[in-house]
Amino acid sequence: MIISVDEFKEMGFSSSDDALTESCIKRAEYVLNGLSGGRAVLVSKTKGAAADYVKQACAFQANALMREENAMKKQENDTGGNSDIERVSIGDFSYTLGSPSSNSGDSSEYVQPLDTNLTVIRLLRAAGCLYTGTEVVT
């Protein structure tokens, strides 16, 4: 993993469920590797500012995933499980499909699909993980 639960907390993020935090960190690593073409893990194993940026990006992405998980749990508790939302999990990776049912009350609490935070993109760019070059043949 790019960061541990303790490192996540040391960066100022809060967590009451360490198992959920660890799962979100693993899923955040998948997101970062997808965005960077596998470069994020390699850079995180080095020392220096670039590795710190990747670790921070992982923490921000994990925090976003945790917010989504907590909102989903809250919504399931509020609606009693009576919504048209389907949660799909494959190992540590999960996503949601559907929309809230009309009987669920206020639809403003519906969890929208997670978009990658711009902070994560900026941190990966600063770490040099989003560089793509082209070759010019003359």
Protein backbone atom coordinates (compact mmCIF):
# COMPACT_ATOMS: atom_id res chain seq x y z
CA MET A 1 0.00 0.00 0.00
CA ILE A 2 1.09 3.54 -0.67
CA ILE A 3 0.24 4.71 2.86
CA SER A 4 -0.82 3.04 6.08
CA VAL A 5 -3.80 3.89 8.24
CA ASP A 6 -1.45 5.56 10.74
CA GLU A 7 0.07 7.74 8.00
CA PHE A 8 -3.44 8.61 6.85
CA LYS A 9 -4.28 9.83 10.35
CA GLU A 10 -0.93 11.65 10.71
CA MET A 11 -1.82 13.70 7.63
CA GLY A 12 -4.80 15.11 9.54
CA PHE A 13 -7.59 12.90 8.21
CA SER A 14 -9.91 11.31 10.73
CA SER A 15 -11.17 7.77 10.82
CA SER A 16 -13.18 5.81 13.34
CA ASP A 17 -13.13 2.52 11.41
CA ASP A 18 -9.61 1.33 10.62
CA ALA A 19 -10.84 -1.59 8.47
CA LEU A 20 -12.85 0.78 6.27
CA THR A 21 -9.90 3.17 6.10
CA GLU A 22 -7.56 0.38 4.98
CA SER A 23 -10.04 -0.73 2.33
CA CYS A 24 -10.42 2.84 1.05
CA ILE A 25 -6.64 3.29 0.93
CA LYS A 26 -6.30 0.14 -1.19
CA ARG A 27 -9.06 1.36 -3.52
CA ALA A 28 -7.43 4.80 -3.70
CA GLU A 29 -4.23 3.08 -4.80
CA TYR A 30 -6.15 1.48 -7.68
CA VAL A 31 -7.44 4.89 -8.73
CA LEU A 32 -4.00 6.49 -8.56
CA ASN A 33 -2.41 3.68 -10.53
CA GLY A 34 -5.11 3.95 -13.17
CA LEU A 35 -4.58 7.68 -13.50
CA SER A 36 -0.81 7.42 -13.60
CA GLY A 37 -0.36 4.25 -15.62
CA GLY A 38 1.15 2.42 -12.64
CA ARG A 39 3.67 5.14 -11.92
CA ALA A 40 2.18 6.25 -8.58
CA VAL A 41 3.29 3.14 -6.67
CA LEU A 42 6.80 3.34 -8.12
CA VAL A 43 7.18 7.01 -7.18
CA SER A 44 5.76 6.40 -3.67
CA LYS A 45 8.59 3.94 -2.95
CA THR A 46 11.23 6.59 -3.57
CA LYS A 47 12.21 9.35 -1.17
CA GLY A 48 11.63 13.05 -1.56
CA ALA A 49 8.91 15.49 -2.47
CA ALA A 50 7.47 13.42 -5.32
CA ALA A 51 6.84 10.46 -3.00
CA ASP A 52 5.23 12.78 -0.44
CA TYR A 53 2.90 14.18 -3.12
CA VAL A 54 1.80 10.68 -4.14
CA LYS A 55 1.15 9.77 -0.49
CA GLN A 56 -0.90 12.94 -0.04
CA ALA A 57 -2.86 12.18 -3.21
CA CYS A 58 -3.60 8.69 -1.88
CA ALA A 59 -4.84 10.14 1.41
CA PHE A 60 -7.13 12.64 -0.34
CA GLN A 61 -8.55 9.95 -2.63
CA ALA A 62 -9.05 7.54 0.30
CA ASN A 63 -10.81 10.29 2.25
CA ALA A 64 -13.17 10.89 -0.69
CA LEU A 65 -13.92 7.17 -0.87
CA MET A 66 -14.59 7.08 2.88
CA ARG A 67 -17.00 10.01 2.61
CA GLU A 68 -18.84 8.14 -0.15
CA GLU A 69 -18.98 4.94 1.93
CA ASN A 70 -20.24 6.78 5.00
CA ALA A 71 -22.90 8.62 2.98
CA MET A 72 -24.04 5.33 1.45
CA LYS A 73 -24.33 3.74 4.90
CA LYS A 74 -26.27 6.75 6.17
CA GLN A 75 -28.60 6.63 3.20
CA GLU A 76 -29.19 2.89 3.62
CA ASN A 77 -30.01 3.46 7.29
CA ASP A 78 -32.33 6.38 6.50
CA THR A 79 -34.26 4.57 3.77
CA GLY A 80 -34.25 1.21 5.48
CA GLY A 81 -32.66 -0.31 2.40
CA ASN A 82 -35.63 0.66 0.19
CA SER A 83 -33.87 2.42 -2.64
CA ASP A 84 -32.99 1.60 -6.23
CA ILE A 85 -29.28 1.79 -5.49
CA GLU A 86 -27.22 -1.31 -6.20
CA ARG A 87 -23.77 -1.66 -4.74
CA VAL A 88 -21.29 -3.81 -6.65
CA SER A 89 -18.10 -5.05 -4.98
CA ILE A 90 -15.23 -6.96 -6.54
CA GLY A 91 -12.57 -7.54 -3.92
CA ASP A 92 -11.60 -4.13 -2.54
CA PHE A 93 -13.09 -2.31 -5.55
CA SER A 94 -16.71 -1.22 -5.33
CA TYR A 95 -19.09 1.13 -7.07
CA THR A 96 -22.78 2.01 -6.97
CA LEU A 97 -25.45 1.99 -9.62
CA GLY A 98 -28.95 3.43 -9.68
CA SER A 99 -30.75 6.33 -8.14
CA PRO A 100 -32.72 6.94 -4.98
CA SER A 101 -36.31 5.77 -4.92
CA SER A 102 -39.07 8.33 -4.82
CA ASN A 103 -40.06 7.08 -1.34
CA SER A 104 -36.67 7.79 0.15
CA GLY A 105 -37.45 11.41 1.02
CA ASP A 106 -34.91 14.10 0.27
CA SER A 107 -32.95 13.11 -2.82
CA SER A 108 -30.31 15.77 -2.15
CA GLU A 109 -28.51 13.28 0.09
CA TYR A 110 -28.07 10.81 -2.76
CA VAL A 111 -24.42 9.95 -3.23
CA GLN A 112 -23.33 10.89 -6.72
CA PRO A 113 -20.72 8.72 -8.43
CA LEU A 114 -17.28 9.61 -7.18
CA ASP A 115 -15.22 11.91 -9.37
CA THR A 116 -11.51 12.16 -8.85
CA ASN A 117 -10.74 15.21 -6.78
CA LEU A 118 -8.78 17.95 -8.59
CA THR A 119 -6.42 18.04 -5.61
CA VAL A 120 -5.47 14.44 -6.35
CA ILE A 121 -4.79 15.28 -10.00
CA ARG A 122 -2.67 18.29 -9.03
CA LEU A 123 -0.64 16.28 -6.52
CA LEU A 124 0.00 13.52 -9.06
CA ARG A 125 1.02 16.12 -11.63
CA ALA A 126 3.42 17.72 -9.13
CA ALA A 127 4.90 14.28 -8.43
CA GLY A 128 5.54 13.76 -12.13
CA CYS A 129 3.13 10.84 -12.40
CA LEU A 130 0.91 12.30 -15.11
CA TYR A 131 3.62 13.10 -17.61
CA THR A 132 2.99 11.70 -21.06
CA GLY A 133 5.39 12.31 -23.85
CA THR A 134 5.21 11.78 -27.53
CA GLU A 135 7.91 10.67 -29.86
CA VAL A 136 8.51 12.57 -33.04
CA VAL A 137 10.07 10.63 -35.85
CA THR A 138 11.65 12.67 -38.60
